[in-house]
Amino acid sequence: MTTRCPCLSGETYDACCGPLHRGEPAPTAERLMRSRFSAFALGDADYLLRSWHPSTRPTELTLDPDLRWYRLDIQRTERGGPFDRDGVVEFVAYYKGSDRGALHEVSRFVREERDWFYVEALTPS
C-alpha cells in the first residue's frame, strides 16, 4: 500500500507499519506502538493479538467496526530502544464513532529475542 501510514509517521504504509504487520520485528517499542495503532486503524485484530505478550494476551479480540482511529500523538518514550529489554510509550490516540474521543495511555512493552510485545496499560502520570 503506497498510501500514508495510519500511524502518521510521514512514511507510506509499505515503508512503515506494513512490514511489521507482515511479520518483521519492530526495532523499538515506539515502532511496535505505532504498528499497533495502525492495526487498530485497519481492523487487524490478528496482528494486535500476535504483538501482545502471552502473559497478558486475551484469548480473543473483537474490534468495534464503528470506531475510526485517525490520529496518534506520541507523548514520550522511556527506554524501548534496540538494545533495551523493556520500554514505556505514552500516547494519545484519537477516534471517531458515535462520539469523538481520545485514549490516553502509558503502555509497557518488553523485548524477547528480536520481538517487542505490548504487555499492559499503566496509569498515566
PDB file of N, CA and C in Angstrom:
ATOM      1  N   MET A   1       0.854  -1.168   0.000  1.00  0.00           N
ATOM      2  CA  MET A   1       0.000   0.000   0.000  1.00  0.00           C
ATOM      3  C   MET A   1       0.905   1.238   0.000  1.00  0.00           C
ATOM      4  N   THR A   2       0.720   2.098  -0.964  1.00  0.00           N
ATOM      5  CA  THR A   2       1.568   3.281  -1.076  1.00  0.00           C
ATOM      6  C   THR A   2       0.927   4.510  -0.450  1.00  0.00           C
ATOM      7  N   THR A   3      -0.158   4.319   0.272  1.00  0.00           N
ATOM      8  CA  THR A   3      -0.793   5.434   0.961  1.00  0.00           C
ATOM      9  C   THR A   3      -0.040   5.740   2.250  1.00  0.00           C
ATOM     10  N   ARG A   4      -0.311   6.892   2.797  1.00  0.00           N
ATOM     11  CA  ARG A   4       0.316   7.324   4.045  1.00  0.00           C
ATOM     12  C   ARG A   4      -0.018   6.343   5.165  1.00  0.00           C
ATOM     13  N   CYS A   5       0.951   6.067   6.014  1.00  0.00           N
ATOM     14  CA  CYS A   5       0.735   5.121   7.111  1.00  0.00           C
ATOM     15  C   CYS A   5      -0.248   5.713   8.125  1.00  0.00           C
ATOM     16  N   PRO A   6      -1.188   4.894   8.613  1.00  0.00           N
ATOM     17  CA  PRO A   6      -2.152   5.382   9.604  1.00  0.00           C
ATOM     18  C   PRO A   6      -1.520   5.928  10.889  1.00  0.00           C
ATOM     19  N   CYS A   7      -0.288   5.515  11.207  1.00  0.00           N
ATOM     20  CA  CYS A   7       0.348   5.979  12.450  1.00  0.00           C
ATOM     21  C   CYS A   7       0.868   7.406  12.345  1.00  0.00           C
ATOM     22  N   LEU A   8       0.773   7.995  11.157  1.00  0.00           N
ATOM     23  CA  LEU A   8       1.177   9.380  10.901  1.00  0.00           C
ATOM     24  C   LEU A   8       2.680   9.610  11.062  1.00  0.00           C
ATOM     25  N   SER A   9       3.483   8.603  10.759  1.00  0.00           N
ATOM     26  CA  SER A   9       4.940   8.754  10.825  1.00  0.00           C
ATOM     27  C   SER A   9       5.466   9.636   9.694  1.00  0.00           C
ATOM     28  N   GLY A  10       4.664   9.809   8.643  1.00  0.00           N
ATOM     29  CA  GLY A  10       5.119  10.531   7.459  1.00  0.00           C
ATOM     30  C   GLY A  10       5.579   9.600   6.361  1.00  0.00           C
ATOM     31  N   GLU A  11       5.718   8.321   6.678  1.00  0.00           N
ATOM     32  CA  GLU A  11       6.119   7.303   5.704  1.00  0.00           C
ATOM     33  C   GLU A  11       4.879   6.683   5.063  1.00  0.00           C
ATOM     34  N   THR A  12       5.096   5.928   3.997  1.00  0.00           N
ATOM     35  CA  THR A  12       3.999   5.149   3.434  1.00  0.00           C
ATOM     36  C   THR A  12       3.783   3.918   4.310  1.00  0.00           C
ATOM     37  N   TYR A  13       2.607   3.321   4.195  1.00  0.00           N
ATOM     38  CA  TYR A  13       2.307   2.114   4.962  1.00  0.00           C
ATOM     39  C   TYR A  13       3.324   1.015   4.654  1.00  0.00           C
ATOM     40  N   ASP A  14       3.681   0.835   3.377  1.00  0.00           N
ATOM     41  CA  ASP A  14       4.631  -0.216   2.999  1.00  0.00           C
ATOM     42  C   ASP A  14       6.039   0.009   3.546  1.00  0.00           C
ATOM     43  N   ALA A  15       6.384   1.244   3.851  1.00  0.00           N
ATOM     44  CA  ALA A  15       7.712   1.544   4.395  1.00  0.00           C
ATOM     45  C   ALA A  15       7.706   1.654   5.915  1.00  0.00           C
ATOM     46  N   CYS A  16       6.534   1.629   6.517  1.00  0.00           N
ATOM     47  CA  CYS A  16       6.438   1.859   7.963  1.00  0.00           C
ATOM     48  C   CYS A  16       5.842   0.650   8.683  1.00  0.00           C
ATOM     49  N   CYS A  17       4.542   0.622   8.866  1.00  0.00           N
ATOM     50  CA  CYS A  17       3.899  -0.433   9.646  1.00  0.00           C
ATOM     51  C   CYS A  17       3.606  -1.702   8.853  1.00  0.00           C
ATOM     52  N   GLY A  18       3.513  -1.598   7.541  1.00  0.00           N
ATOM     53  CA  GLY A  18       3.221  -2.766   6.709  1.00  0.00           C
ATOM     54  C   GLY A  18       4.172  -3.932   6.938  1.00  0.00           C
ATOM     55  N   PRO A  19       5.497  -3.706   6.914  1.00  0.00           N
ATOM     56  CA  PRO A  19       6.418  -4.825   7.145  1.00  0.00           C
ATOM     57  C   PRO A  19       6.224  -5.495   8.510  1.00  0.00           C
ATOM     58  N   LEU A  20       5.900  -4.714   9.542  1.00  0.00           N
ATOM     59  CA  LEU A  20       5.666  -5.290  10.867  1.00  0.00           C
ATOM     60  C   LEU A  20       4.395  -6.130  10.854  1.00  0.00           C
ATOM     61  N   HIS A  21       3.362  -5.638  10.196  1.00  0.00           N
ATOM     62  CA  HIS A  21       2.115  -6.400  10.097  1.00  0.00           C
ATOM     63  C   HIS A  21       2.332  -7.706   9.336  1.00  0.00           C
ATOM     64  N   ARG A  22       3.318  -7.718   8.443  1.00  0.00           N
ATOM     65  CA  ARG A  22       3.621  -8.940   7.675  1.00  0.00           C
ATOM     66  C   ARG A  22       4.627  -9.850   8.374  1.00  0.00           C
ATOM     67  N   GLY A  23       5.077  -9.473   9.588  1.00  0.00           N
ATOM     68  CA  GLY A  23       5.919 -10.385  10.356  1.00  0.00           C
ATOM     69  C   GLY A  23       7.320  -9.918  10.685  1.00  0.00           C
ATOM     70  N   GLU A  24       7.770  -8.789  10.151  1.00  0.00           N
ATOM     71  CA  GLU A  24       9.098  -8.303  10.526  1.00  0.00           C
ATOM     72  C   GLU A  24       9.060  -7.800  11.970  1.00  0.00           C
ATOM     73  N   PRO A  25      10.147  -7.979  12.722  1.00  0.00           N
ATOM     74  CA  PRO A  25      10.153  -7.497  14.113  1.00  0.00           C
ATOM     75  C   PRO A  25      10.279  -5.982  14.176  1.00  0.00           C
ATOM     76  N   ALA A  26       9.640  -5.383  15.156  1.00  0.00           N
ATOM     77  CA  ALA A  26       9.757  -3.945  15.389  1.00  0.00           C
ATOM     78  C   ALA A  26      11.118  -3.665  16.017  1.00  0.00           C
ATOM     79  N   PRO A  27      11.831  -2.641  15.556  1.00  0.00           N
ATOM     80  CA  PRO A  27      13.144  -2.349  16.135  1.00  0.00           C
ATOM     81  C   PRO A  27      13.076  -1.677  17.496  1.00  0.00           C
ATOM     82  N   THR A  28      11.942  -1.020  17.793  1.00  0.00           N
ATOM     83  CA  THR A  28      11.804  -0.301  19.065  1.00  0.00           C
ATOM     84  C   THR A  28      10.379  -0.464  19.592  1.00  0.00           C
ATOM     85  N   ALA A  29      10.214  -0.141  20.865  1.00  0.00           N
ATOM     86  CA  ALA A  29       8.876  -0.181  21.471  1.00  0.00           C
ATOM     87  C   ALA A  29       7.955   0.844  20.808  1.00  0.00           C
ATOM     88  N   GLU A  30       8.482   2.019  20.470  1.00  0.00           N
ATOM     89  CA  GLU A  30       7.639   3.020  19.815  1.00  0.00           C
ATOM     90  C   GLU A  30       7.162   2.537  18.451  1.00  0.00           C
ATOM     91  N   ARG A  31       8.034   1.890  17.699  1.00  0.00           N
ATOM     92  CA  ARG A  31       7.591   1.370  16.391  1.00  0.00           C
ATOM     93  C   ARG A  31       6.514   0.306  16.570  1.00  0.00           C
ATOM     94  N   LEU A  32       6.634  -0.520  17.612  1.00  0.00           N
ATOM     95  CA  LEU A  32       5.574  -1.500  17.865  1.00  0.00           C
ATOM     96  C   LEU A  32       4.280  -0.780  18.229  1.00  0.00           C
ATOM     97  N   MET A  33       4.376   0.271  19.057  1.00  0.00           N
ATOM     98  CA  MET A  33       3.183   1.033  19.422  1.00  0.00           C
ATOM     99  C   MET A  33       2.530   1.611  18.182  1.00  0.00           C
ATOM    100  N   ARG A  34       3.318   2.191  17.294  1.00  0.00           N
ATOM    101  CA  ARG A  34       2.784   2.759  16.061  1.00  0.00           C
ATOM    102  C   ARG A  34       2.115   1.680  15.206  1.00  0.00           C
ATOM    103  N   SER A  35       2.747   0.516  15.132  1.00  0.00           N
ATOM    104  CA  SER A  35       2.171  -0.564  14.323  1.00  0.00           C
ATOM    105  C   SER A  35       0.871  -1.084  14.933  1.00  0.00           C
ATOM    106  N   ARG A  36       0.776  -1.062  16.241  1.00  0.00           N
ATOM    107  CA  ARG A  36      -0.469  -1.483  16.892  1.00  0.00           C
ATOM    108  C   ARG A  36      -1.574  -0.457  16.641  1.00  0.00           C
ATOM    109  N   PHE A  37      -1.239   0.837  16.678  1.00  0.00           N
ATOM    110  CA  PHE A  37      -2.240   1.848  16.339  1.00  0.00           C
ATOM    111  C   PHE A  37      -2.725   1.623  14.899  1.00  0.00           C
ATOM    112  N   SER A  38      -1.790   1.417  13.984  1.00  0.00           N
ATOM    113  CA  SER A  38      -2.180   1.174  12.585  1.00  0.00           C
ATOM    114  C   SER A  38      -3.056  -0.058  12.462  1.00  0.00           C
ATOM    115  N   ALA A  39      -2.776  -1.083  13.256  1.00  0.00           N
ATOM    116  CA  ALA A  39      -3.611  -2.292  13.229  1.00  0.00           C
ATOM    117  C   ALA A  39      -5.027  -1.976  13.704  1.00  0.00           C
ATOM    118  N   PHE A  40      -5.158  -1.144  14.724  1.00  0.00           N
ATOM    119  CA  PHE A  40      -6.494  -0.712  15.146  1.00  0.00           C
ATOM    120  C   PHE A  40      -7.169   0.057  14.016  1.00  0.00           C
ATOM    121  N   ALA A  41      -6.439   0.968  13.378  1.00  0.00           N
ATOM    122  CA  ALA A  41      -7.000   1.787  12.305  1.00  0.00           C
ATOM    123  C   ALA A  41      -7.437   0.926  11.118  1.00  0.00           C
ATOM    124  N   LEU A  42      -6.712  -0.155  10.864  1.00  0.00           N
ATOM    125  CA  LEU A  42      -7.013  -1.027   9.722  1.00  0.00           C
ATOM    126  C   LEU A  42      -7.885  -2.220  10.087  1.00  0.00           C
ATOM    127  N   GLY A  43      -8.200  -2.386  11.367  1.00  0.00           N
ATOM    128  CA  GLY A  43      -9.042  -3.502  11.799  1.00  0.00           C
ATOM    129  C   GLY A  43      -8.334  -4.844  11.812  1.00  0.00           C
ATOM    130  N   ASP A  44      -7.018  -4.858  12.077  1.00  0.00           N
ATOM    131  CA  ASP A  44      -6.222  -6.083  12.057  1.00  0.00           C
ATOM    132  C   ASP A  44      -6.082  -6.670  13.472  1.00  0.00           C
ATOM    133  N   ALA A  45      -7.136  -7.341  13.938  1.00  0.00           N
ATOM    134  CA  ALA A  45      -7.131  -7.918  15.284  1.00  0.00           C
ATOM    135  C   ALA A  45      -6.088  -9.023  15.425  1.00  0.00           C
ATOM    136  N   ASP A  46      -5.815  -9.762  14.359  1.00  0.00           N
ATOM    137  CA  ASP A  46      -4.813 -10.832  14.432  1.00  0.00           C
ATOM    138  C   ASP A  46      -3.437 -10.277  14.787  1.00  0.00           C
ATOM    139  N   TYR A  47      -3.051  -9.171  14.160  1.00  0.00           N
ATOM    140  CA  TYR A  47      -1.754  -8.570  14.480  1.00  0.00           C
ATOM    141  C   TYR A  47      -1.726  -8.079  15.920  1.00  0.00           C
ATOM    142  N   LEU A  48      -2.809  -7.472  16.365  1.00  0.00           N
ATOM    143  CA  LEU A  48      -2.861  -6.991  17.740  1.00  0.00           C
ATOM    144  C   LEU A  48      -2.642  -8.136  18.718  1.00  0.00           C
ATOM    145  N   LEU A  49      -3.246  -9.277  18.467  1.00  0.00           N
ATOM    146  CA  LEU A  49      -3.050 -10.438  19.341  1.00  0.00           C
ATOM    147  C   LEU A  49      -1.617 -10.970  19.242  1.00  0.00           C
ATOM    148  N   ARG A  50      -1.061 -11.035  18.037  1.00  0.00           N
ATOM    149  CA  ARG A  50       0.311 -11.533  17.858  1.00  0.00           C
ATOM    150  C   ARG A  50       1.335 -10.641  18.553  1.00  0.00           C
ATOM    151  N   SER A  51       1.071  -9.341  18.617  1.00  0.00           N
ATOM    152  CA  SER A  51       2.036  -8.408  19.203  1.00  0.00           C
ATOM    153  C   SER A  51       1.785  -8.162  20.695  1.00  0.00           C
ATOM    154  N   TRP A  52       0.851  -8.902  21.271  1.00  0.00           N
ATOM    155  CA  TRP A  52       0.508  -8.800  22.691  1.00  0.00           C
ATOM    156  C   TRP A  52       1.287  -9.883  23.429  1.00  0.00           C
ATOM    157  N   HIS A  53       1.914  -9.563  24.533  1.00  0.00           N
ATOM    158  CA  HIS A  53       2.705 -10.552  25.270  1.00  0.00           C
ATOM    159  C   HIS A  53       1.803 -11.689  25.755  1.00  0.00           C
ATOM    160  N   PRO A  54       2.255 -12.939  25.621  1.00  0.00           N
ATOM    161  CA  PRO A  54       1.422 -14.080  26.027  1.00  0.00           C
ATOM    162  C   PRO A  54       0.955 -14.039  27.482  1.00  0.00           C
ATOM    163  N   SER A  55       1.706 -13.384  28.366  1.00  0.00           N
ATOM    164  CA  SER A  55       1.322 -13.347  29.788  1.00  0.00           C
ATOM    165  C   SER A  55       0.081 -12.500  30.048  1.00  0.00           C
ATOM    166  N   THR A  56      -0.252 -11.593  29.131  1.00  0.00           N
ATOM    167  CA  THR A  56      -1.411 -10.708  29.329  1.00  0.00           C
ATOM    168  C   THR A  56      -2.378 -10.726  28.145  1.00  0.00           C
ATOM    169  N   ARG A  57      -2.067 -11.500  27.119  1.00  0.00           N
ATOM    170  CA  ARG A  57      -2.875 -11.535  25.896  1.00  0.00           C
ATOM    171  C   ARG A  57      -4.253 -12.144  26.141  1.00  0.00           C
ATOM    172  N   PRO A  58      -5.316 -11.477  25.683  1.00  0.00           N
ATOM    173  CA  PRO A  58      -6.644 -12.085  25.779  1.00  0.00           C
ATOM    174  C   PRO A  58      -6.760 -13.242  24.784  1.00  0.00           C
ATOM    175  N   THR A  59      -7.713 -14.114  24.999  1.00  0.00           N
ATOM    176  CA  THR A  59      -7.882 -15.247  24.081  1.00  0.00           C
ATOM    177  C   THR A  59      -8.483 -14.818  22.754  1.00  0.00           C
ATOM    178  N   GLU A  60      -9.247 -13.734  22.768  1.00  0.00           N
ATOM    179  CA  GLU A  60      -9.794 -13.193  21.520  1.00  0.00           C
ATOM    180  C   GLU A  60      -9.936 -11.692  21.657  1.00  0.00           C
ATOM    181  N   LEU A  61     -10.058 -11.032  20.511  1.00  0.00           N
ATOM    182  CA  LEU A  61     -10.175  -9.585  20.491  1.00  0.00           C
ATOM    183  C   LEU A  61     -11.164  -9.207  19.400  1.00  0.00           C
ATOM    184  N   THR A  62     -12.204  -8.510  19.782  1.00  0.00           N
ATOM    185  CA  THR A  62     -13.195  -8.044  18.825  1.00  0.00           C
ATOM    186  C   THR A  62     -13.107  -6.527  18.750  1.00  0.00           C
ATOM    187  N   LEU A  63     -12.825  -6.026  17.558  1.00  0.00           N
ATOM    188  CA  LEU A  63     -12.711  -4.583  17.369  1.00  0.00           C
ATOM    189  C   LEU A  63     -14.070  -4.002  17.010  1.00  0.00           C
ATOM    190  N   ASP A  64     -14.309  -2.787  17.457  1.00  0.00           N
ATOM    191  CA  ASP A  64     -15.558  -2.092  17.170  1.00  0.00           C
ATOM    192  C   ASP A  64     -15.497  -1.538  15.746  1.00  0.00           C
ATOM    193  N   PRO A  65     -16.294  -2.076  14.828  1.00  0.00           N
ATOM    194  CA  PRO A  65     -16.223  -1.605  13.430  1.00  0.00           C
ATOM    195  C   PRO A  65     -16.736  -0.179  13.249  1.00  0.00           C
ATOM    196  N   ASP A  66     -17.412   0.370  14.254  1.00  0.00           N
ATOM    197  CA  ASP A  66     -17.934   1.730  14.157  1.00  0.00           C
ATOM    198  C   ASP A  66     -16.938   2.791  14.615  1.00  0.00           C
ATOM    199  N   LEU A  67     -15.792   2.365  15.159  1.00  0.00           N
ATOM    200  CA  LEU A  67     -14.756   3.323  15.564  1.00  0.00           C
ATOM    201  C   LEU A  67     -13.748   3.479  14.438  1.00  0.00           C
ATOM    202  N   ARG A  68     -13.383   4.731  14.167  1.00  0.00           N
ATOM    203  CA  ARG A  68     -12.334   5.010  13.188  1.00  0.00           C
ATOM    204  C   ARG A  68     -11.206   5.730  13.913  1.00  0.00           C
ATOM    205  N   TRP A  69     -10.061   5.050  14.023  1.00  0.00           N
ATOM    206  CA  TRP A  69      -8.883   5.619  14.674  1.00  0.00           C
ATOM    207  C   TRP A  69      -8.149   6.448  13.625  1.00  0.00           C
ATOM    208  N   TYR A  70      -7.938   7.740  13.894  1.00  0.00           N
ATOM    209  CA  TYR A  70      -7.418   8.605  12.846  1.00  0.00           C
ATOM    210  C   TYR A  70      -6.174   9.411  13.200  1.00  0.00           C
ATOM    211  N   ARG A  71      -5.766   9.433  14.451  1.00  0.00           N
ATOM    212  CA  ARG A  71      -4.600  10.242  14.811  1.00  0.00           C
ATOM    213  C   ARG A  71      -3.901   9.641  16.014  1.00  0.00           C
ATOM    214  N   LEU A  72      -2.576   9.629  15.955  1.00  0.00           N
ATOM    215  CA  LEU A  72      -1.751   9.137  17.059  1.00  0.00           C
ATOM    216  C   LEU A  72      -0.716  10.193  17.394  1.00  0.00           C
ATOM    217  N   ASP A  73      -0.678  10.590  18.659  1.00  0.00           N
ATOM    218  CA  ASP A  73       0.347  11.514  19.153  1.00  0.00           C
ATOM    219  C   ASP A  73       1.170  10.782  20.208  1.00  0.00           C
ATOM    220  N   ILE A  74       2.455  10.611  19.939  1.00  0.00           N
ATOM    221  CA  ILE A  74       3.358  10.025  20.925  1.00  0.00           C
ATOM    222  C   ILE A  74       3.776  11.150  21.871  1.00  0.00           C
ATOM    223  N   GLN A  75       3.510  10.975  23.159  1.00  0.00           N
ATOM    224  CA  GLN A  75       3.833  11.991  24.158  1.00  0.00           C
ATOM    225  C   GLN A  75       5.265  11.852  24.675  1.00  0.00           C
ATOM    226  N   ARG A  76       5.672  10.606  24.952  1.00  0.00           N
ATOM    227  CA  ARG A  76       7.034  10.367  25.451  1.00  0.00           C
ATOM    228  C   ARG A  76       7.348   8.885  25.361  1.00  0.00           C
ATOM    229  N   THR A  77       8.627   8.593  25.393  1.00  0.00           N
ATOM    230  CA  THR A  77       9.090   7.210  25.465  1.00  0.00           C
ATOM    231  C   THR A  77      10.175   7.135  26.534  1.00  0.00           C
ATOM    232  N   GLU A  78      10.248   5.980  27.188  1.00  0.00           N
ATOM    233  CA  GLU A  78      11.328   5.686  28.139  1.00  0.00           C
ATOM    234  C   GLU A  78      11.903   4.343  27.734  1.00  0.00           C
ATOM    235  N   ARG A  79      13.203   4.308  27.573  1.00  0.00           N
ATOM    236  CA  ARG A  79      13.874   3.095  27.114  1.00  0.00           C
ATOM    237  C   ARG A  79      13.196   2.620  25.817  1.00  0.00           C
ATOM    238  N   GLY A  80      13.111   1.332  25.606  1.00  0.00           N
ATOM    239  CA  GLY A  80      12.420   0.817  24.427  1.00  0.00           C
ATOM    240  C   GLY A  80      13.224   0.859  23.148  1.00  0.00           C
ATOM    241  N   GLY A  81      14.536   1.110  23.273  1.00  0.00           N
ATOM    242  CA  GLY A  81      15.393   1.160  22.094  1.00  0.00           C
ATOM    243  C   GLY A  81      15.830  -0.226  21.647  1.00  0.00           C
ATOM    244  N   PRO A  82      16.608  -0.293  20.584  1.00  0.00           N
ATOM    245  CA  PRO A  82      17.002  -1.590  20.025  1.00  0.00           C
ATOM    246  C   PRO A  82      17.840  -2.466  20.962  1.00  0.00           C
ATOM    247  N   PHE A  83      18.459  -1.885  21.990  1.00  0.00           N
ATOM    248  CA  PHE A  83      19.276  -2.671  22.912  1.00  0.00           C
ATOM    249  C   PHE A  83      18.654  -2.809  24.293  1.00  0.00           C
ATOM    250  N   ASP A  84      17.434  -2.288  24.458  1.00  0.00           N
ATOM    251  CA  ASP A  84      16.729  -2.379  25.741  1.00  0.00           C
ATOM    252  C   ASP A  84      15.893  -3.646  25.811  1.00  0.00           C
ATOM    253  N   ARG A  85      15.563  -4.057  27.028  1.00  0.00           N
ATOM    254  CA  ARG A  85      14.704  -5.231  27.243  1.00  0.00           C
ATOM    255  C   ARG A  85      13.267  -4.825  27.554  1.00  0.00           C
ATOM    256  N   ASP A  86      13.071  -3.554  27.922  1.00  0.00           N
ATOM    257  CA  ASP A  86      11.725  -3.082  28.225  1.00  0.00           C
ATOM    258  C   ASP A  86      11.617  -1.621  27.824  1.00  0.00           C
ATOM    259  N   GLY A  87      10.392  -1.124  27.803  1.00  0.00           N
ATOM    260  CA  GLY A  87      10.174   0.262  27.440  1.00  0.00           C
ATOM    261  C   GLY A  87       8.765   0.704  27.763  1.00  0.00           C
ATOM    262  N   VAL A  88       8.579   2.005  27.768  1.00  0.00           N
ATOM    263  CA  VAL A  88       7.286   2.616  28.046  1.00  0.00           C
ATOM    264  C   VAL A  88       7.023   3.650  26.957  1.00  0.00           C
ATOM    265  N   VAL A  89       5.799   3.672  26.455  1.00  0.00           N
ATOM    266  CA  VAL A  89       5.393   4.679  25.472  1.00  0.00           C
ATOM    267  C   VAL A  89       4.092   5.295  25.959  1.00  0.00           C
ATOM    268  N   GLU A  90       4.092   6.612  26.088  1.00  0.00           N
ATOM    269  CA  GLU A  90       2.873   7.332  26.428  1.00  0.00           C
ATOM    270  C   GLU A  90       2.341   7.960  25.151  1.00  0.00           C
ATOM    271  N   PHE A  91       1.045   7.802  24.925  1.00  0.00           N
ATOM    272  CA  PHE A  91       0.461   8.293  23.676  1.00  0.00           C
ATOM    273  C   PHE A  91      -0.980   8.729  23.900  1.00  0.00           C
ATOM    274  N   VAL A  92      -1.490   9.454  22.912  1.00  0.00           N
ATOM    275  CA  VAL A  92      -2.904   9.781  22.830  1.00  0.00           C
ATOM    276  C   VAL A  92      -3.356   9.348  21.438  1.00  0.00           C
ATOM    277  N   ALA A  93      -4.391   8.505  21.398  1.00  0.00           N
ATOM    278  CA  ALA A  93      -4.956   8.028  20.136  1.00  0.00           C
ATOM    279  C   ALA A  93      -6.375   8.566  20.015  1.00  0.00           C
ATOM    280  N   TYR A  94      -6.674   9.170  18.878  1.00  0.00           N
ATOM    281  CA  TYR A  94      -7.968   9.816  18.657  1.00  0.00           C
ATOM    282  C   TYR A  94      -8.854   8.950  17.775  1.00  0.00           C
ATOM    283  N   TYR A  95     -10.139   8.948  18.092  1.00  0.00           N
ATOM    284  CA  TYR A  95     -11.087   8.141  17.326  1.00  0.00           C
ATOM    285  C   TYR A  95     -12.382   8.899  17.092  1.00  0.00           C
ATOM    286  N   LYS A  96     -13.101   8.434  16.071  1.00  0.00           N
ATOM    287  CA  LYS A  96     -14.443   8.932  15.761  1.00  0.00           C
ATOM    288  C   LYS A  96     -15.354   7.727  15.687  1.00  0.00           C
ATOM    289  N   GLY A  97     -16.564   7.915  16.103  1.00  0.00           N
ATOM    290  CA  GLY A  97     -17.589   6.885  16.048  1.00  0.00           C
ATOM    291  C   GLY A  97     -18.907   7.582  16.286  1.00  0.00           C
ATOM    292  N   SER A  98     -19.739   7.022  17.136  1.00  0.00           N
ATOM    293  CA  SER A  98     -20.956   7.736  17.505  1.00  0.00           C
ATOM    294  C   SER A  98     -20.592   9.003  18.278  1.00  0.00           C
ATOM    295  N   ASP A  99     -19.437   8.995  18.915  1.00  0.00           N
ATOM    296  CA  ASP A  99     -18.860  10.160  19.579  1.00  0.00           C
ATOM    297  C   ASP A  99     -17.409  10.279  19.142  1.00  0.00           C
ATOM    298  N   ARG A 100     -16.829  11.439  19.393  1.00  0.00           N
ATOM    299  CA  ARG A 100     -15.395  11.620  19.197  1.00  0.00           C
ATOM    300  C   ARG A 100     -14.727  11.460  20.548  1.00  0.00           C
ATOM    301  N   GLY A 101     -13.520  10.957  20.532  1.00  0.00           N
ATOM    302  CA  GLY A 101     -12.828  10.811  21.794  1.00  0.00           C
ATOM    303  C   GLY A 101     -11.351  10.554  21.598  1.00  0.00           C
ATOM    304  N   ALA A 102     -10.686  10.364  22.712  1.00  0.00           N
ATOM    305  CA  ALA A 102      -9.258  10.094  22.704  1.00  0.00           C
ATOM    306  C   ALA A 102      -8.931   9.114  23.818  1.00  0.00           C
ATOM    307  N   LEU A 103      -8.004   8.241  23.530  1.00  0.00           N
ATOM    308  CA  LEU A 103      -7.490   7.292  24.512  1.00  0.00           C
ATOM    309  C   LEU A 103      -6.096   7.754  24.892  1.00  0.00           C
ATOM    310  N   HIS A 104      -5.892   8.107  26.158  1.00  0.00           N
ATOM    311  CA  HIS A 104      -4.575   8.485  26.673  1.00  0.00           C
ATOM    312  C   HIS A 104      -4.059   7.302  27.468  1.00  0.00           C
ATOM    313  N   GLU A 105      -2.906   6.783  27.064  1.00  0.00           N
ATOM    314  CA  GLU A 105      -2.401   5.574  27.710  1.00  0.00           C
ATOM    315  C   GLU A 105      -0.889   5.634  27.844  1.00  0.00           C
ATOM    316  N   VAL A 106      -0.405   5.042  28.904  1.00  0.00           N
ATOM    317  CA  VAL A 106       1.012   4.762  29.086  1.00  0.00           C
ATOM    318  C   VAL A 106       1.129   3.252  28.975  1.00  0.00           C
ATOM    319  N   SER A 107       1.804   2.785  27.934  1.00  0.00           N
ATOM    320  CA  SER A 107       1.893   1.350  27.661  1.00  0.00           C
ATOM    321  C   SER A 107       3.271   0.815  28.010  1.00  0.00           C
ATOM    322  N   ARG A 108       3.290  -0.387  28.561  1.00  0.00           N
ATOM    323  CA  ARG A 108       4.549  -1.067  28.907  1.00  0.00           C
ATOM    324  C   ARG A 108       4.822  -2.143  27.865  1.00  0.00           C
ATOM    325  N   PHE A 109       6.072  -2.228  27.420  1.00  0.00           N
ATOM    326  CA  PHE A 109       6.499  -3.183  26.403  1.00  0.00           C
ATOM    327  C   PHE A 109       7.718  -3.952  26.901  1.00  0.00           C
ATOM    328  N   VAL A 110       7.871  -5.174  26.417  1.00  0.00           N
ATOM    329  CA  VAL A 110       9.079  -5.949  26.694  1.00  0.00           C
ATOM    330  C   VAL A 110       9.599  -6.520  25.372  1.00  0.00           C
ATOM    331  N   ARG A 111      10.924  -6.739  25.343  1.00  0.00           N
ATOM    332  CA  ARG A 111      11.540  -7.353  24.169  1.00  0.00           C
ATOM    333  C   ARG A 111      12.053  -8.731  24.567  1.00  0.00           C
ATOM    334  N   GLU A 112      11.693  -9.719  23.785  1.00  0.00           N
ATOM    335  CA  GLU A 112      12.179 -11.086  23.959  1.00  0.00           C
ATOM    336  C   GLU A 112      12.807 -11.513  22.645  1.00  0.00           C
ATOM    337  N   GLU A 113      14.087 -11.858  22.705  1.00  0.00           N
ATOM    338  CA  GLU A 113      14.854 -12.138  21.494  1.00  0.00           C
ATOM    339  C   GLU A 113      14.793 -10.898  20.603  1.00  0.00           C
ATOM    340  N   ARG A 114      14.265 -11.026  19.391  1.00  0.00           N
ATOM    341  CA  ARG A 114      14.175  -9.884  18.461  1.00  0.00           C
ATOM    342  C   ARG A 114      12.833  -9.176  18.516  1.00  0.00           C
ATOM    343  N   ASP A 115      11.863  -9.721  19.233  1.00  0.00           N
ATOM    344  CA  ASP A 115      10.493  -9.218  19.165  1.00  0.00           C
ATOM    345  C   ASP A 115      10.081  -8.389  20.367  1.00  0.00           C
ATOM    346  N   TRP A 116       9.469  -7.229  20.073  1.00  0.00           N
ATOM    347  CA  TRP A 116       8.836  -6.413  21.099  1.00  0.00           C
ATOM    348  C   TRP A 116       7.396  -6.858  21.247  1.00  0.00           C
ATOM    349  N   PHE A 117       6.887  -6.794  22.493  1.00  0.00           N
ATOM    350  CA  PHE A 117       5.497  -7.143  22.780  1.00  0.00           C
ATOM    351  C   PHE A 117       4.872  -6.074  23.663  1.00  0.00           C
ATOM    352  N   TYR A 118       3.598  -5.790  23.407  1.00  0.00           N
ATOM    353  CA  TYR A 118       2.798  -4.959  24.299  1.00  0.00           C
ATOM    354  C   TYR A 118       2.458  -5.813  25.514  1.00  0.00           C
ATOM    355  N   VAL A 119       2.622  -5.264  26.724  1.00  0.00           N
ATOM    356  CA  VAL A 119       2.324  -6.008  27.950  1.00  0.00           C
ATOM    357  C   VAL A 119       1.033  -5.512  28.592  1.00  0.00           C
ATOM    358  N   GLU A 120       1.000  -4.198  28.890  1.00  0.00           N
ATOM    359  CA  GLU A 120      -0.168  -3.683  29.603  1.00  0.00           C
ATOM    360  C   GLU A 120      -0.197  -2.171  29.573  1.00  0.00           C
ATOM    361  N   ALA A 121      -1.357  -1.647  29.930  1.00  0.00           N
ATOM    362  CA  ALA A 121      -1.524  -0.210  30.097  1.00  0.00           C
ATOM    363  C   ALA A 121      -1.256   0.139  31.549  1.00  0.00           C
ATOM    364  N   LEU A 122      -0.453   1.171  31.756  1.00  0.00           N
ATOM    365  CA  LEU A 122      -0.183   1.682  33.093  1.00  0.00           C
ATOM    366  C   LEU A 122      -1.040   2.926  33.282  1.00  0.00           C
ATOM    367  N   THR A 123      -1.177   3.401  34.482  1.00  0.00           N
ATOM    368  CA  THR A 123      -1.945   4.615  34.748  1.00  0.00           C
ATOM    369  C   THR A 123      -1.121   5.823  34.299  1.00  0.00           C
ATOM    370  N   PRO A 124      -1.700   6.697  33.445  1.00  0.00           N
ATOM    371  CA  PRO A 124      -0.937   7.896  33.037  1.00  0.00           C
ATOM    372  C   PRO A 124      -0.601   8.753  34.249  1.00  0.00           C
ATOM    373  N   SER A 125       0.590   9.354  34.191  1.00  0.00           N
ATOM    374  CA  SER A 125       1.010  10.202  35.318  1.00  0.00           C
ATOM    375  C   SER A 125       0.454  11.599  35.186  1.00  0.00           C
TER     376      SER A 125
END
